[in-house]
Structures are given as C-alpha cells and as structure tokens.
Amino acid sequence: MIKKLFILFAAGSAALTVSACNTVRGAGQDLESAADAVDKEI
C-alpha cells in the first residue's frame, strides 16, 4: 500500500515538474516576442 502511494506521489510530482517547465518556457517566449515588438516600434 505504501509503495503504491509513493509511486502515485512520484508520478504526480513528475507531471507537475514537466508542466511547470513548459509554463516557464512559454512565459519566456512571450516576453521575448513582446520585447521584439517594442524594438520594432522604436
């Protein structure tokens, strides 16, 4: 029983870690595109 809970917790943690990395990467791309747009206007 404890082993199953540990595996479930580990899988959930891995899923959250992967989604967090994708979110940070997307935010970085958004900032970069916004900076490029400002550079074009200036």
PDB file of N, CA and C in Angstrom:
ATOM      1  N   MET A   1       0.822  -1.196   0.000  1.00  0.00           N
ATOM      2  CA  MET A   1       0.000   0.000   0.000  1.00  0.00           C
ATOM      3  C   MET A   1       0.867   1.262   0.000  1.00  0.00           C
ATOM      4  N   ILE A   2       1.877   1.294   0.840  1.00  0.00           N
ATOM      5  CA  ILE A   2       2.749   2.462   0.912  1.00  0.00           C
ATOM      6  C   ILE A   2       3.520   2.623  -0.392  1.00  0.00           C
ATOM      7  N   LYS A   3       3.912   1.504  -0.989  1.00  0.00           N
ATOM      8  CA  LYS A   3       4.650   1.564  -2.253  1.00  0.00           C
ATOM      9  C   LYS A   3       3.785   2.175  -3.352  1.00  0.00           C
ATOM     10  N   LYS A   4       2.497   1.821  -3.386  1.00  0.00           N
ATOM     11  CA  LYS A   4       1.589   2.384  -4.390  1.00  0.00           C
ATOM     12  C   LYS A   4       1.417   3.887  -4.186  1.00  0.00           C
ATOM     13  N   LEU A   5       1.295   4.304  -2.931  1.00  0.00           N
ATOM     14  CA  LEU A   5       1.168   5.735  -2.650  1.00  0.00           C
ATOM     15  C   LEU A   5       2.424   6.495  -3.059  1.00  0.00           C
ATOM     16  N   PHE A   6       3.577   5.895  -2.810  1.00  0.00           N
ATOM     17  CA  PHE A   6       4.833   6.533  -3.190  1.00  0.00           C
ATOM     18  C   PHE A   6       4.931   6.682  -4.705  1.00  0.00           C
ATOM     19  N   ILE A   7       4.559   5.627  -5.440  1.00  0.00           N
ATOM     20  CA  ILE A   7       4.604   5.679  -6.907  1.00  0.00           C
ATOM     21  C   ILE A   7       3.634   6.738  -7.422  1.00  0.00           C
ATOM     22  N   LEU A   8       2.444   6.799  -6.836  1.00  0.00           N
ATOM     23  CA  LEU A   8       1.460   7.803  -7.243  1.00  0.00           C
ATOM     24  C   LEU A   8       1.974   9.218  -6.971  1.00  0.00           C
ATOM     25  N   PHE A   9       2.571   9.418  -5.818  1.00  0.00           N
ATOM     26  CA  PHE A   9       3.132  10.723  -5.466  1.00  0.00           C
ATOM     27  C   PHE A   9       4.271  11.103  -6.407  1.00  0.00           C
ATOM     28  N   ALA A  10       5.143  10.143  -6.718  1.00  0.00           N
ATOM     29  CA  ALA A  10       6.271  10.411  -7.614  1.00  0.00           C
ATOM     30  C   ALA A  10       5.778  10.766  -9.012  1.00  0.00           C
ATOM     31  N   ALA A  11       4.770  10.040  -9.500  1.00  0.00           N
ATOM     32  CA  ALA A  11       4.232  10.329 -10.832  1.00  0.00           C
ATOM     33  C   ALA A  11       3.577  11.710 -10.866  1.00  0.00           C
ATOM     34  N   GLY A  12       2.850  12.053  -9.816  1.00  0.00           N
ATOM     35  CA  GLY A  12       2.223  13.375  -9.748  1.00  0.00           C
ATOM     36  C   GLY A  12       3.252  14.490  -9.690  1.00  0.00           C
ATOM     37  N   SER A  13       4.303  14.275  -8.933  1.00  0.00           N
ATOM     38  CA  SER A  13       5.366  15.277  -8.844  1.00  0.00           C
ATOM     39  C   SER A  13       6.058  15.468 -10.185  1.00  0.00           C
ATOM     40  N   ALA A  14       6.306  14.371 -10.883  1.00  0.00           N
ATOM     41  CA  ALA A  14       6.951  14.457 -12.196  1.00  0.00           C
ATOM     42  C   ALA A  14       6.065  15.217 -13.177  1.00  0.00           C
ATOM     43  N   ALA A  15       4.770  14.953 -13.147  1.00  0.00           N
ATOM     44  CA  ALA A  15       3.848  15.641 -14.055  1.00  0.00           C
ATOM     45  C   ALA A  15       3.823  17.139 -13.768  1.00  0.00           C
ATOM     46  N   LEU A  16       3.804  17.511 -12.500  1.00  0.00           N
ATOM     47  CA  LEU A  16       3.808  18.936 -12.152  1.00  0.00           C
ATOM     48  C   LEU A  16       5.112  19.610 -12.550  1.00  0.00           C
ATOM     49  N   THR A  17       6.213  18.910 -12.403  1.00  0.00           N
ATOM     50  CA  THR A  17       7.515  19.470 -12.768  1.00  0.00           C
ATOM     51  C   THR A  17       7.586  19.735 -14.261  1.00  0.00           C
ATOM     52  N   VAL A  18       7.135  18.783 -15.056  1.00  0.00           N
ATOM     53  CA  VAL A  18       7.170  18.944 -16.514  1.00  0.00           C
ATOM     54  C   VAL A  18       6.268  20.090 -16.948  1.00  0.00           C
ATOM     55  N   SER A  19       5.077  20.187 -16.378  1.00  0.00           N
ATOM     56  CA  SER A  19       4.170  21.266 -16.774  1.00  0.00           C
ATOM     57  C   SER A  19       4.697  22.621 -16.325  1.00  0.00           C
ATOM     58  N   ALA A  20       5.362  22.682 -15.201  1.00  0.00           N
ATOM     59  CA  ALA A  20       5.940  23.947 -14.735  1.00  0.00           C
ATOM     60  C   ALA A  20       7.048  24.406 -15.669  1.00  0.00           C
ATOM     61  N   CYS A  21       7.868  23.482 -16.139  1.00  0.00           N
ATOM     62  CA  CYS A  21       8.940  23.842 -17.071  1.00  0.00           C
ATOM     63  C   CYS A  21       8.357  24.396 -18.361  1.00  0.00           C
ATOM     64  N   ASN A  22       7.302  23.772 -18.859  1.00  0.00           N
ATOM     65  CA  ASN A  22       6.679  24.256 -20.084  1.00  0.00           C
ATOM     66  C   ASN A  22       6.062  25.628 -19.871  1.00  0.00           C
ATOM     67  N   THR A  23       5.506  25.876 -18.705  1.00  0.00           N
ATOM     68  CA  THR A  23       4.906  27.179 -18.418  1.00  0.00           C
ATOM     69  C   THR A  23       5.972  28.266 -18.376  1.00  0.00           C
ATOM     70  N   VAL A  24       7.081  27.998 -17.734  1.00  0.00           N
ATOM     71  CA  VAL A  24       8.170  28.975 -17.651  1.00  0.00           C
ATOM     72  C   VAL A  24       8.744  29.233 -19.032  1.00  0.00           C
ATOM     73  N   ARG A  25       8.898  28.181 -19.835  1.00  0.00           N
ATOM     74  CA  ARG A  25       9.420  28.347 -21.191  1.00  0.00           C
ATOM     75  C   ARG A  25       8.473  29.211 -22.019  1.00  0.00           C
ATOM     76  N   GLY A  26       7.176  28.980 -21.900  1.00  0.00           N
ATOM     77  CA  GLY A  26       6.187  29.764 -22.638  1.00  0.00           C
ATOM     78  C   GLY A  26       6.193  31.224 -22.215  1.00  0.00           C
ATOM     79  N   ALA A  27       6.336  31.456 -20.917  1.00  0.00           N
ATOM     80  CA  ALA A  27       6.389  32.838 -20.430  1.00  0.00           C
ATOM     81  C   ALA A  27       7.626  33.540 -20.968  1.00  0.00           C
ATOM     82  N   GLY A  28       8.734  32.838 -21.041  1.00  0.00           N
ATOM     83  CA  GLY A  28       9.959  33.414 -21.602  1.00  0.00           C
ATOM     84  C   GLY A  28       9.793  33.768 -23.066  1.00  0.00           C
ATOM     85  N   GLN A  29       9.125  32.904 -23.808  1.00  0.00           N
ATOM     86  CA  GLN A  29       8.891  33.180 -25.230  1.00  0.00           C
ATOM     87  C   GLN A  29       7.965  34.377 -25.396  1.00  0.00           C
ATOM     88  N   ASP A  30       6.949  34.490 -24.542  1.00  0.00           N
ATOM     89  CA  ASP A  30       6.046  35.639 -24.606  1.00  0.00           C
ATOM     90  C   ASP A  30       6.792  36.942 -24.334  1.00  0.00           C
ATOM     91  N   LEU A  31       7.651  36.930 -23.327  1.00  0.00           N
ATOM     92  CA  LEU A  31       8.435  38.131 -23.026  1.00  0.00           C
ATOM     93  C   LEU A  31       9.362  38.488 -24.176  1.00  0.00           C
ATOM     94  N   GLU A  32       9.957  37.481 -24.777  1.00  0.00           N
ATOM     95  CA  GLU A  32      10.869  37.735 -25.894  1.00  0.00           C
ATOM     96  C   GLU A  32      10.125  38.330 -27.083  1.00  0.00           C
ATOM     97  N   SER A  33       8.945  37.802 -27.391  1.00  0.00           N
ATOM     98  CA  SER A  33       8.191  38.342 -28.522  1.00  0.00           C
ATOM     99  C   SER A  33       7.690  39.750 -28.228  1.00  0.00           C
ATOM    100  N   ALA A  34       7.340  40.030 -26.977  1.00  0.00           N
ATOM    101  CA  ALA A  34       6.920  41.385 -26.614  1.00  0.00           C
ATOM    102  C   ALA A  34       8.086  42.353 -26.746  1.00  0.00           C
ATOM    103  N   ALA A  35       9.270  41.936 -26.337  1.00  0.00           N
ATOM    104  CA  ALA A  35      10.452  42.793 -26.464  1.00  0.00           C
ATOM    105  C   ALA A  35      10.776  43.049 -27.929  1.00  0.00           C
ATOM    106  N   ASP A  36      10.627  42.032 -28.765  1.00  0.00           N
ATOM    107  CA  ASP A  36      10.862  42.215 -30.200  1.00  0.00           C
ATOM    108  C   ASP A  36       9.870  43.205 -30.796  1.00  0.00           C
ATOM    109  N   ALA A  37       8.618  43.134 -30.375  1.00  0.00           N
ATOM    110  CA  ALA A  37       7.606  44.056 -30.884  1.00  0.00           C
ATOM    111  C   ALA A  37       7.924  45.488 -30.476  1.00  0.00           C
ATOM    112  N   VAL A  38       8.387  45.685 -29.255  1.00  0.00           N
ATOM    113  CA  VAL A  38       8.754  47.026 -28.793  1.00  0.00           C
ATOM    114  C   VAL A  38       9.959  47.534 -29.578  1.00  0.00           C
ATOM    115  N   ASP A  39      10.934  46.667 -29.827  1.00  0.00           N
ATOM    116  CA  ASP A  39      12.109  47.070 -30.608  1.00  0.00           C
ATOM    117  C   ASP A  39      11.718  47.505 -32.012  1.00  0.00           C
ATOM    118  N   LYS A  40      10.762  46.827 -32.616  1.00  0.00           N
ATOM    119  CA  LYS A  40      10.330  47.187 -33.971  1.00  0.00           C
ATOM    120  C   LYS A  40       9.647  48.550 -33.987  1.00  0.00           C
ATOM    121  N   GLU A  41       8.902  48.859 -32.937  1.00  0.00           N
ATOM    122  CA  GLU A  41       8.204  50.137 -32.861  1.00  0.00           C
ATOM    123  C   GLU A  41       9.165  51.293 -32.594  1.00  0.00           C
ATOM    124  N   ILE A  42      10.240  51.032 -31.916  1.00  0.00           N
ATOM    125  CA  ILE A  42      11.208  52.081 -31.587  1.00  0.00           C
ATOM    126  C   ILE A  42      12.143  52.194 -32.739  1.00  0.00           C
TER     127      ILE A  42
END
